[in-house]
N, C-alpha and C. Protein backbone atom coordinates (compact mmCIF):
# COMPACT_ATOMS: atom_id res chain seq x y z
N MET A 1 -10.11 39.77 -29.13
CA MET A 1 -10.47 38.76 -29.52
C MET A 1 -11.25 37.45 -28.79
N SER A 2 -12.81 37.07 -29.32
CA SER A 2 -14.21 36.89 -28.98
C SER A 2 -13.08 35.44 -27.96
N THR A 3 -14.16 36.01 -27.30
CA THR A 3 -13.71 34.50 -25.73
C THR A 3 -13.56 32.88 -26.30
N TYR A 4 -14.55 32.63 -27.06
CA TYR A 4 -14.62 31.24 -27.96
C TYR A 4 -13.65 31.03 -28.19
N VAL A 5 -13.53 32.20 -29.25
CA VAL A 5 -11.98 31.51 -30.26
C VAL A 5 -10.46 31.98 -29.50
N LYS A 6 -10.53 32.48 -28.75
CA LYS A 6 -9.09 32.85 -27.60
C LYS A 6 -8.64 31.22 -27.39
N HIS A 7 -10.08 30.65 -27.07
CA HIS A 7 -9.58 29.04 -26.18
C HIS A 7 -9.45 28.17 -27.31
N ILE A 8 -9.41 28.42 -28.75
CA ILE A 8 -8.89 27.21 -29.54
C ILE A 8 -8.32 26.70 -29.80
N PRO A 9 -6.66 27.54 -29.58
CA PRO A 9 -5.25 26.96 -29.68
C PRO A 9 -4.83 25.87 -28.40
N ALA A 10 -5.37 26.66 -27.28
CA ALA A 10 -5.10 25.56 -26.23
C ALA A 10 -5.88 24.25 -25.93
N LEU A 11 -7.10 24.42 -26.64
CA LEU A 11 -8.20 23.27 -26.69
C LEU A 11 -7.37 22.09 -27.74
N LEU A 12 -6.84 23.04 -29.01
CA LEU A 12 -6.29 22.12 -29.95
C LEU A 12 -5.06 21.12 -29.67
N LEU A 13 -4.12 21.74 -28.64
CA LEU A 13 -3.04 21.72 -28.34
C LEU A 13 -2.76 20.79 -27.18
N ALA A 14 -4.16 20.13 -26.24
CA ALA A 14 -4.91 19.78 -25.06
C ALA A 14 -5.43 18.41 -25.97
N PHE A 15 -6.01 18.79 -27.39
CA PHE A 15 -6.28 16.90 -28.01
C PHE A 15 -4.75 16.88 -28.77
N GLU A 16 -3.98 17.26 -29.39
CA GLU A 16 -2.76 16.51 -29.79
C GLU A 16 -2.19 15.83 -28.46
N HIS A 17 -2.12 16.74 -27.40
CA HIS A 17 -1.42 16.19 -25.77
C HIS A 17 -2.56 14.39 -25.81
N LEU A 18 -3.77 14.49 -25.46
CA LEU A 18 -3.72 13.49 -25.34
C LEU A 18 -4.47 12.14 -26.08
N LEU A 19 -4.27 12.95 -27.53
CA LEU A 19 -3.98 12.03 -28.39
C LEU A 19 -2.90 11.14 -28.36
N GLY A 20 -2.34 11.91 -28.39
CA GLY A 20 0.07 10.88 -28.29
C GLY A 20 0.23 10.46 -27.36
N GLY A 21 -0.45 10.96 -26.07
CA GLY A 21 -0.42 10.04 -24.68
C GLY A 21 -1.35 9.24 -24.17
N GLN A 22 -2.00 8.65 -25.15
CA GLN A 22 -2.68 7.85 -24.33
C GLN A 22 -2.51 6.53 -25.50
N ALA A 23 -1.88 7.73 -26.87
CA ALA A 23 -1.34 6.65 -27.75
C ALA A 23 0.15 5.65 -27.27
N ARG A 24 0.69 6.26 -26.17
CA ARG A 24 1.72 5.58 -26.04
C ARG A 24 1.81 4.80 -24.77
N ILE A 25 0.01 4.68 -23.69
CA ILE A 25 0.22 4.23 -22.87
C ILE A 25 -0.78 2.82 -22.94
N THR A 26 -1.51 2.98 -24.34
CA THR A 26 -2.50 1.40 -24.57
C THR A 26 -2.54 2.07 -26.10
N ASP A 27 -2.27 0.02 -26.13
CA ASP A 27 -3.14 0.33 -27.43
C ASP A 27 -4.44 0.36 -28.04
N LYS A 28 -5.36 -0.15 -27.02
CA LYS A 28 -6.91 0.07 -27.01
C LYS A 28 -7.37 0.72 -27.68
N LEU A 29 -6.79 1.89 -27.83
CA LEU A 29 -8.37 3.22 -28.09
C LEU A 29 -7.62 3.42 -30.04
N THR A 30 -6.24 3.59 -30.34
CA THR A 30 -5.75 3.21 -31.55
C THR A 30 -4.36 2.93 -31.65
N PRO A 31 -4.65 1.54 -32.44
CA PRO A 31 -3.78 0.60 -32.22
C PRO A 31 -2.66 0.86 -33.58
N SER A 32 -3.49 1.67 -34.29
CA SER A 32 -2.37 2.47 -35.29
C SER A 32 -0.94 3.17 -34.32
N LEU A 33 -2.36 4.31 -34.42
CA LEU A 33 -0.50 5.69 -33.36
C LEU A 33 0.04 4.69 -32.74
N TYR A 34 -0.75 3.84 -31.67
CA TYR A 34 0.65 2.73 -30.30
C TYR A 34 1.43 2.00 -31.05
N ARG A 35 1.58 1.61 -32.50
CA ARG A 35 2.35 0.60 -33.13
C ARG A 35 3.54 2.45 -33.65
N ARG A 36 3.14 3.49 -34.34
CA ARG A 36 3.83 4.17 -34.77
C ARG A 36 4.67 5.02 -33.54
N ALA A 37 3.61 5.24 -31.96
CA ALA A 37 5.06 5.55 -31.16
C ALA A 37 5.40 4.84 -30.53
N VAL A 38 5.23 3.51 -29.84
CA VAL A 38 5.35 2.93 -29.04
C VAL A 38 6.74 1.84 -29.50
N ILE A 39 6.10 1.58 -30.74
CA ILE A 39 6.43 -0.14 -31.64
C ILE A 39 7.81 0.82 -32.59
N ASN A 40 7.61 1.23 -33.20
CA ASN A 40 8.16 1.63 -34.03
C ASN A 40 9.19 3.36 -33.98
N LYS A 41 9.15 3.99 -33.09
CA LYS A 41 9.83 5.26 -32.40
C LYS A 41 9.96 4.61 -31.38
N GLY A 42 9.51 4.32 -30.59
CA GLY A 42 10.31 3.63 -28.97
C GLY A 42 12.07 3.73 -28.89
N PRO A 43 11.98 2.39 -29.40
CA PRO A 43 13.75 2.29 -29.13
C PRO A 43 14.16 3.38 -29.79
N GLY A 44 14.40 4.11 -30.68
CA GLY A 44 15.34 5.58 -30.77
C GLY A 44 14.82 6.71 -29.90
N THR A 45 13.64 6.56 -28.89
CA THR A 45 13.33 7.49 -28.54
C THR A 45 14.11 7.14 -27.37
N VAL A 46 14.21 5.84 -26.81
CA VAL A 46 14.89 5.74 -25.81
C VAL A 46 16.60 6.35 -25.31
N GLU A 47 16.96 6.03 -26.50
CA GLU A 47 18.48 5.81 -26.83
C GLU A 47 18.86 7.14 -27.15
N ALA A 48 18.16 8.05 -27.49
CA ALA A 48 17.78 9.80 -27.51
C ALA A 48 17.73 10.39 -26.44
N LEU A 49 16.89 10.24 -25.48
CA LEU A 49 16.55 10.57 -24.01
C LEU A 49 16.86 10.21 -22.48
N TYR A 50 17.47 8.46 -22.88
CA TYR A 50 18.41 7.66 -21.52
C TYR A 50 18.13 8.34 -20.20
N PRO A 51 19.51 9.46 -20.49
CA PRO A 51 19.98 10.32 -18.95
C PRO A 51 18.39 11.13 -18.82
N ILE A 52 17.62 11.33 -19.32
CA ILE A 52 16.58 12.41 -19.13
C ILE A 52 15.77 11.94 -18.65
N ILE A 53 14.76 10.96 -19.43
CA ILE A 53 14.16 10.56 -18.68
C ILE A 53 14.41 8.64 -18.69
N PRO A 54 14.79 8.69 -16.85
CA PRO A 54 15.55 7.56 -17.08
C PRO A 54 14.96 5.62 -16.93
N VAL A 55 14.63 5.40 -17.77
CA VAL A 55 13.68 4.83 -18.58
C VAL A 55 14.58 3.80 -19.38
N GLN A 56 14.76 2.25 -19.79
CA GLN A 56 15.64 2.37 -20.34
C GLN A 56 15.10 1.07 -21.51
N ASP A 57 13.38 0.25 -20.86
CA ASP A 57 12.57 -0.63 -21.67
C ASP A 57 11.95 0.81 -22.67
N PRO A 58 11.96 0.09 -24.13
CA PRO A 58 11.14 1.19 -25.29
C PRO A 58 9.60 1.39 -24.55
N VAL A 59 9.18 0.41 -24.07
CA VAL A 59 7.29 0.41 -23.41
C VAL A 59 7.56 1.35 -22.40
N ARG A 60 8.23 0.75 -21.31
CA ARG A 60 7.68 1.92 -20.27
C ARG A 60 8.53 3.03 -20.25
N HIS A 61 9.55 3.49 -21.16
CA HIS A 61 9.36 4.98 -21.55
C HIS A 61 8.85 5.67 -22.44
N SER A 62 8.23 4.87 -23.21
CA SER A 62 6.95 5.68 -24.09
C SER A 62 5.22 5.84 -22.69
N ASN A 63 5.29 4.93 -22.37
CA ASN A 63 4.29 5.15 -20.85
C ASN A 63 4.48 6.28 -20.40
N VAL A 64 6.00 6.24 -19.73
CA VAL A 64 6.14 7.65 -19.29
C VAL A 64 6.05 8.91 -19.76
N VAL A 65 6.94 8.94 -21.38
CA VAL A 65 6.13 10.07 -21.98
C VAL A 65 4.43 9.94 -22.37
N GLY A 66 3.66 9.34 -22.73
CA GLY A 66 2.25 9.24 -22.39
C GLY A 66 1.76 9.63 -21.56
N LEU A 67 1.88 9.22 -20.03
CA LEU A 67 2.03 10.26 -18.81
C LEU A 67 2.17 11.28 -18.60
N LEU A 68 3.04 12.00 -19.12
CA LEU A 68 3.34 13.11 -19.07
C LEU A 68 2.96 13.91 -20.67
N MET A 69 2.47 13.12 -21.19
CA MET A 69 1.36 13.90 -22.21
C MET A 69 0.01 14.11 -21.95
N CYS A 70 -0.47 13.55 -21.13
CA CYS A 70 -2.04 13.78 -21.07
C CYS A 70 -2.37 14.23 -19.25
N LEU A 71 -1.21 14.74 -18.84
CA LEU A 71 -0.52 15.59 -17.89
C LEU A 71 -1.08 17.09 -18.34
N THR A 72 0.07 17.21 -19.56
CA THR A 72 -0.14 18.09 -19.96
C THR A 72 -1.27 18.76 -21.19
N GLY A 73 -1.71 17.45 -21.60
CA GLY A 73 -3.24 18.39 -21.95
C GLY A 73 -4.09 18.30 -21.04
N VAL A 74 -4.50 17.72 -19.88
CA VAL A 74 -5.41 18.07 -18.93
C VAL A 74 -5.25 19.25 -18.34
N LEU A 75 -3.68 19.53 -18.67
CA LEU A 75 -4.21 21.40 -17.62
C LEU A 75 -3.65 22.19 -19.11
N LEU A 76 -4.10 21.80 -19.90
CA LEU A 76 -4.51 22.82 -20.86
C LEU A 76 -5.45 22.88 -21.23
N ALA A 77 -6.13 21.90 -20.73
CA ALA A 77 -7.70 21.37 -21.25
C ALA A 77 -8.57 22.21 -20.26
N TRP A 78 -7.93 22.41 -19.34
CA TRP A 78 -8.39 23.62 -17.57
C TRP A 78 -7.93 24.55 -17.30
N PRO A 79 -8.84 25.38 -17.96
CA PRO A 79 -9.20 26.80 -18.30
C PRO A 79 -7.73 27.57 -16.92
N LYS A 80 -8.19 26.69 -15.40
CA LYS A 80 -7.58 27.61 -14.11
C LYS A 80 -6.55 27.18 -14.54
N THR A 81 -5.40 26.24 -14.67
CA THR A 81 -4.40 25.96 -14.90
C THR A 81 -3.66 25.99 -16.03
N ARG A 82 -4.60 26.16 -17.30
CA ARG A 82 -3.86 26.72 -18.57
C ARG A 82 -2.72 27.80 -18.98
N ALA A 83 -2.79 28.70 -17.70
CA ALA A 83 -2.11 29.89 -17.80
C ALA A 83 -0.44 29.94 -16.44
N THR A 84 -0.64 28.65 -16.19
CA THR A 84 0.35 28.93 -14.85
C THR A 84 1.71 27.76 -15.41
N TYR A 85 2.29 27.87 -14.77
CA TYR A 85 4.24 27.24 -15.34
C TYR A 85 3.88 26.24 -15.83
N ALA A 86 2.91 25.11 -15.40
CA ALA A 86 3.00 23.65 -15.57
C ALA A 86 3.25 22.95 -16.69
N PRO A 87 1.70 23.70 -17.34
CA PRO A 87 1.52 22.78 -19.14
C PRO A 87 2.12 23.96 -19.59
N LEU A 88 3.37 25.17 -20.13
CA LEU A 88 4.05 25.58 -20.34
C LEU A 88 5.48 24.64 -20.33
N ALA A 89 5.82 24.62 -18.80
CA ALA A 89 6.97 23.64 -18.94
C ALA A 89 7.20 22.71 -19.34
N LEU A 90 5.82 21.67 -19.30
CA LEU A 90 5.86 20.09 -19.40
C LEU A 90 5.63 20.45 -21.40
N ASN A 91 5.10 21.21 -21.87
CA ASN A 91 5.41 21.29 -23.24
C ASN A 91 6.53 21.48 -23.89
N THR A 92 7.39 22.46 -23.33
CA THR A 92 7.89 22.57 -23.66
C THR A 92 9.26 21.59 -24.05
N PHE A 93 9.51 21.04 -22.45
CA PHE A 93 10.07 19.53 -22.51
C PHE A 93 9.72 18.44 -23.35
N LEU A 94 8.28 18.12 -23.40
CA LEU A 94 8.23 17.04 -24.17
C LEU A 94 8.40 17.44 -25.72
N THR A 95 8.45 18.50 -25.91
CA THR A 95 8.30 19.00 -26.95
C THR A 95 9.77 19.05 -27.85
N GLY A 96 10.35 19.50 -26.79
CA GLY A 96 11.45 19.99 -27.20
C GLY A 96 12.47 18.64 -27.71
N ALA A 97 12.05 17.40 -26.35
CA ALA A 97 12.52 16.07 -26.29
C ALA A 97 12.35 15.93 -27.67
N GLY A 98 10.94 16.12 -27.83
CA GLY A 98 9.96 15.19 -29.18
C GLY A 98 11.09 15.63 -30.59
N VAL A 99 11.50 17.19 -30.57
CA VAL A 99 12.39 17.59 -31.32
C VAL A 99 14.10 16.78 -31.52
N TYR A 100 14.88 16.85 -30.44
CA TYR A 100 15.52 16.50 -30.39
C TYR A 100 16.08 15.21 -30.65
N SER A 101 14.58 13.89 -30.24
CA SER A 101 14.54 12.72 -30.42
C SER A 101 14.20 11.63 -31.96
N GLN A 102 13.91 12.55 -32.30
CA GLN A 102 13.48 12.61 -33.78
C GLN A 102 14.54 13.64 -34.47
N ARG A 103 15.11 14.25 -34.49
CA ARG A 103 16.00 14.74 -34.94
C ARG A 103 17.18 13.04 -34.94
N GLN A 104 16.85 13.35 -34.09
CA GLN A 104 18.56 12.01 -33.23
C GLN A 104 18.27 10.57 -33.91
N MET A 105 16.97 10.43 -35.03
CA MET A 105 16.31 9.09 -35.30
C MET A 105 16.20 9.77 -37.02
N ARG A 106 16.55 11.10 -37.18
CA ARG A 106 16.54 11.38 -39.04
C ARG A 106 15.04 10.80 -38.92
N ILE A 107 14.00 11.19 -38.68
CA ILE A 107 13.13 11.26 -38.86
C ILE A 107 12.38 12.75 -38.72
N PRO A 108 11.47 12.97 -39.39
CA PRO A 108 10.66 14.45 -39.01
C PRO A 108 10.60 14.56 -38.17
N TYR A 109 10.08 16.12 -37.64
CA TYR A 109 10.24 16.36 -36.00
C TYR A 109 9.13 17.85 -36.49
N TRP A 110 8.70 17.54 -37.44
CA TRP A 110 7.98 19.49 -37.69
C TRP A 110 6.29 19.22 -36.62
N LEU A 111 5.65 18.06 -36.41
CA LEU A 111 5.05 18.13 -35.26
C LEU A 111 5.50 19.16 -34.16
N PRO A 112 6.87 18.35 -33.45
CA PRO A 112 6.69 18.59 -32.23
C PRO A 112 7.06 20.22 -31.96
N CYS A 113 7.97 20.62 -33.27
CA CYS A 113 7.83 22.36 -33.61
C CYS A 113 7.22 22.94 -33.46
N VAL A 114 6.20 22.60 -34.43
CA VAL A 114 4.76 23.29 -34.16
C VAL A 114 3.46 23.52 -32.93
N ASN A 115 4.32 22.12 -31.97
CA ASN A 115 3.42 22.85 -30.74
C ASN A 115 4.02 23.13 -29.98
N MET A 116 5.31 23.51 -30.03
CA MET A 116 6.48 24.17 -29.07
C MET A 116 6.03 26.15 -29.58
N VAL A 117 5.27 25.88 -30.11
CA VAL A 117 5.58 27.60 -31.03
C VAL A 117 3.84 27.51 -30.70
N LEU A 118 2.77 26.81 -30.90
CA LEU A 118 1.41 26.39 -30.22
C LEU A 118 1.80 26.85 -28.75
N GLY A 119 2.25 25.68 -27.94
CA GLY A 119 3.07 26.26 -26.67
C GLY A 119 2.81 27.95 -26.57
N ALA A 120 3.63 27.70 -26.75
CA ALA A 120 4.16 29.82 -25.95
C ALA A 120 2.36 30.50 -27.25
N VAL A 121 1.88 30.08 -28.20
CA VAL A 121 0.35 31.44 -28.39
C VAL A 121 -0.24 30.52 -27.17
N VAL A 122 -0.69 30.12 -26.59
CA VAL A 122 -1.11 29.41 -25.88
C VAL A 122 -0.96 30.60 -24.50
N TRP A 123 0.42 30.46 -24.54
CA TRP A 123 0.98 30.98 -23.40
C TRP A 123 0.88 32.50 -23.18
N TRP A 124 0.81 32.85 -24.48
CA TRP A 124 0.71 34.27 -24.33
C TRP A 124 -0.71 34.66 -24.29
N ILE A 125 -1.76 33.88 -24.82
CA ILE A 125 -3.11 34.45 -25.10
C ILE A 125 -3.91 34.37 -23.88
N GLU A 126 -3.16 33.52 -23.33
CA GLU A 126 -3.77 32.65 -21.86
C GLU A 126 -3.65 34.53 -20.85
N ASN A 127 -1.91 34.79 -20.86
CA ASN A 127 -1.59 35.51 -19.51
C ASN A 127 -1.91 37.38 -19.84
N ASP A 128 -1.88 37.37 -21.66
CA ASP A 128 -1.80 38.58 -22.57
C ASP A 128 -3.66 39.29 -21.99
N ALA A 129 -4.09 38.29 -21.30
CA ALA A 129 -6.01 38.59 -21.52
C ALA A 129 -6.31 38.90 -20.35
């Protein structure tokens, strides 16, 4: 596989985590994503994940998830940390929590499923190469 092509899944997943993460931290860059992630989905996410992420305020809870997503995005974007257990564990936790919470809220949860598969593909590419 070409050297550049094998980095595409990791960079795509990193972009998704960074975009989604920043939208949960501030409304300055992407107000519509912030509204959807924090205002619309925040209370349902807290209800589904409260014992796992010990924050009950929907805005603060979304901030914590956003910071974890941004950290995952940075780890995936940096080639030296891409093949380590940290981004694999964070991606698996975040996508699993996303599937669970969105299923509890009865909203589509296809994107976390795609991201989980993409995370496995990144892990396989980086550790098989």
